[in-house]
Amino acid sequence: MAGGLAHRVSTIVAALLLVLASGCTSQIEGHPAPQPKAEQERAYRAAIRSISPALDDERAVERGRATCEDLQMGRTRGLLLGSVILRHFEAYPMNVPEAQELIRITRRMLC
């Protein structure tokens, strides 16, 4: 258990360092991601539950749209991963492979 917690903490620290090193701000640039239709939102929320049910909270779609905006802006892979891990940390402290899967789901179903 302690090893799992240490791994998660180190993943979060690494993600934070990636975001800070990039000079990224929380300000969104570019065009906002479109609001998904109801059926698209339901399908997206079901898909992200496959990573963890904790990801499907009241802010799930808002966070997914922010990831779409990151993708539209052409964020680097490291910055994108760091942003996703930090953005979802409150709901579920995920690791890098989970963040990669969440990005794939988001790109395919929401963006």
Protein backbone atom coordinates (compact mmCIF):
# COMPACT_ATOMS: atom_id res chain seq x y z
CA MET A 1 0.00 0.00 0.00
CA ALA A 2 2.74 2.47 0.92
CA GLY A 3 4.54 1.69 -2.35
CA GLY A 4 1.39 2.47 -4.33
CA LEU A 5 0.97 5.79 -2.56
CA ALA A 6 4.63 6.67 -3.13
CA HIS A 7 4.22 5.86 -6.85
CA ARG A 8 1.13 8.07 -7.13
CA VAL A 9 2.83 10.93 -5.31
CA SER A 10 5.89 10.69 -7.55
CA THR A 11 3.62 10.66 -10.63
CA ILE A 12 1.84 13.82 -9.44
CA VAL A 13 5.13 15.55 -8.65
CA ALA A 14 6.46 14.66 -12.11
CA ALA A 15 3.28 15.95 -13.74
CA LEU A 16 3.46 19.19 -11.80
CA LEU A 17 7.10 19.67 -12.80
CA LEU A 18 6.20 19.13 -16.47
CA VAL A 19 3.49 21.77 -16.29
CA LEU A 20 5.66 24.26 -14.41
CA ALA A 21 8.63 23.74 -16.70
CA SER A 22 6.49 24.43 -19.75
CA GLY A 23 5.40 27.81 -18.48
CA CYS A 24 1.78 26.75 -18.85
CA THR A 25 -0.89 28.85 -17.24
CA SER A 26 -4.42 27.86 -16.43
CA GLN A 27 -5.68 30.34 -19.00
CA ILE A 28 -7.29 28.66 -21.98
CA GLU A 29 -6.16 29.85 -25.40
CA GLY A 30 -7.75 29.14 -28.73
CA HIS A 31 -11.30 27.97 -29.31
CA PRO A 32 -13.37 26.32 -26.61
CA ALA A 33 -14.23 22.68 -27.16
CA PRO A 34 -17.83 22.14 -28.27
CA GLN A 35 -20.45 21.15 -25.73
CA PRO A 36 -21.23 17.46 -26.32
CA LYS A 37 -24.72 16.22 -27.07
CA ALA A 38 -26.46 14.26 -24.30
CA GLU A 39 -25.83 10.84 -25.88
CA GLN A 40 -22.18 11.71 -26.54
CA GLU A 41 -21.77 12.81 -22.92
CA ARG A 42 -23.34 9.58 -21.61
CA ALA A 43 -21.05 7.45 -23.78
CA TYR A 44 -17.97 9.44 -22.72
CA ARG A 45 -18.82 9.13 -19.03
CA ALA A 46 -19.35 5.38 -19.40
CA ALA A 47 -16.00 5.02 -21.17
CA ILE A 48 -14.02 6.93 -18.55
CA ARG A 49 -15.57 4.77 -15.83
CA SER A 50 -13.57 1.90 -17.35
CA ILE A 51 -10.44 3.62 -16.00
CA SER A 52 -12.02 4.44 -12.65
CA PRO A 53 -15.60 5.09 -11.54
CA ALA A 54 -14.21 8.05 -9.57
CA LEU A 55 -13.50 9.91 -12.84
CA ASP A 56 -17.22 10.12 -13.58
CA ASP A 57 -18.08 13.03 -11.33
CA GLU A 58 -19.98 16.28 -11.90
CA ARG A 59 -16.93 17.88 -13.59
CA ALA A 60 -16.03 14.96 -15.87
CA VAL A 61 -17.19 16.57 -19.11
CA GLU A 62 -15.76 19.97 -18.19
CA ARG A 63 -12.36 18.35 -17.60
CA GLY A 64 -12.66 16.42 -20.86
CA ARG A 65 -13.42 19.61 -22.79
CA ALA A 66 -10.33 21.22 -21.25
CA THR A 67 -8.30 18.25 -22.50
CA CYS A 68 -9.78 18.79 -25.98
CA GLU A 69 -8.63 22.40 -25.82
CA ASP A 70 -5.12 21.24 -24.85
CA LEU A 71 -5.14 18.91 -27.86
CA GLN A 72 -6.34 21.72 -30.17
CA MET A 73 -3.49 23.92 -28.95
CA GLY A 74 -0.97 21.24 -29.83
CA ARG A 75 0.38 20.72 -26.32
CA THR A 76 3.43 18.49 -26.17
CA ARG A 77 2.92 14.90 -25.00
CA GLY A 78 4.57 15.57 -21.63
CA LEU A 79 2.59 18.73 -21.00
CA LEU A 80 -0.63 17.05 -22.05
CA LEU A 81 -0.04 14.11 -19.70
CA GLY A 82 0.91 16.40 -16.83
CA SER A 83 -2.13 18.59 -17.38
CA VAL A 84 -4.51 15.61 -17.49
CA ILE A 85 -3.05 14.08 -14.33
CA LEU A 86 -3.30 17.37 -12.45
CA ARG A 87 -6.73 18.26 -13.84
CA HIS A 88 -8.22 14.95 -12.65
CA PHE A 89 -6.23 14.58 -9.42
CA GLU A 90 -9.11 15.75 -7.22
CA ALA A 91 -11.41 13.07 -8.63
CA TYR A 92 -8.84 10.31 -9.08
CA PRO A 93 -5.03 10.42 -8.73
CA MET A 94 -4.16 8.47 -11.88
CA ASN A 95 -0.85 7.19 -13.20
CA VAL A 96 0.66 7.88 -16.64
CA PRO A 97 -0.81 4.81 -18.44
CA GLU A 98 -4.27 5.72 -17.11
CA ALA A 99 -3.79 9.33 -18.24
CA GLN A 100 -2.79 8.10 -21.71
CA GLU A 101 -5.95 5.99 -21.90
CA LEU A 102 -8.08 8.92 -20.73
CA ILE A 103 -6.56 11.11 -23.45
CA ARG A 104 -7.32 8.44 -26.08
CA ILE A 105 -10.94 8.15 -24.89
CA THR A 106 -11.36 11.92 -24.74
CA ARG A 107 -9.88 12.47 -28.21
CA ARG A 108 -12.07 9.75 -29.73
CA MET A 109 -15.35 10.51 -27.98
CA LEU A 110 -15.41 14.15 -26.95
CA CYS A 111 -13.12 16.26 -29.16
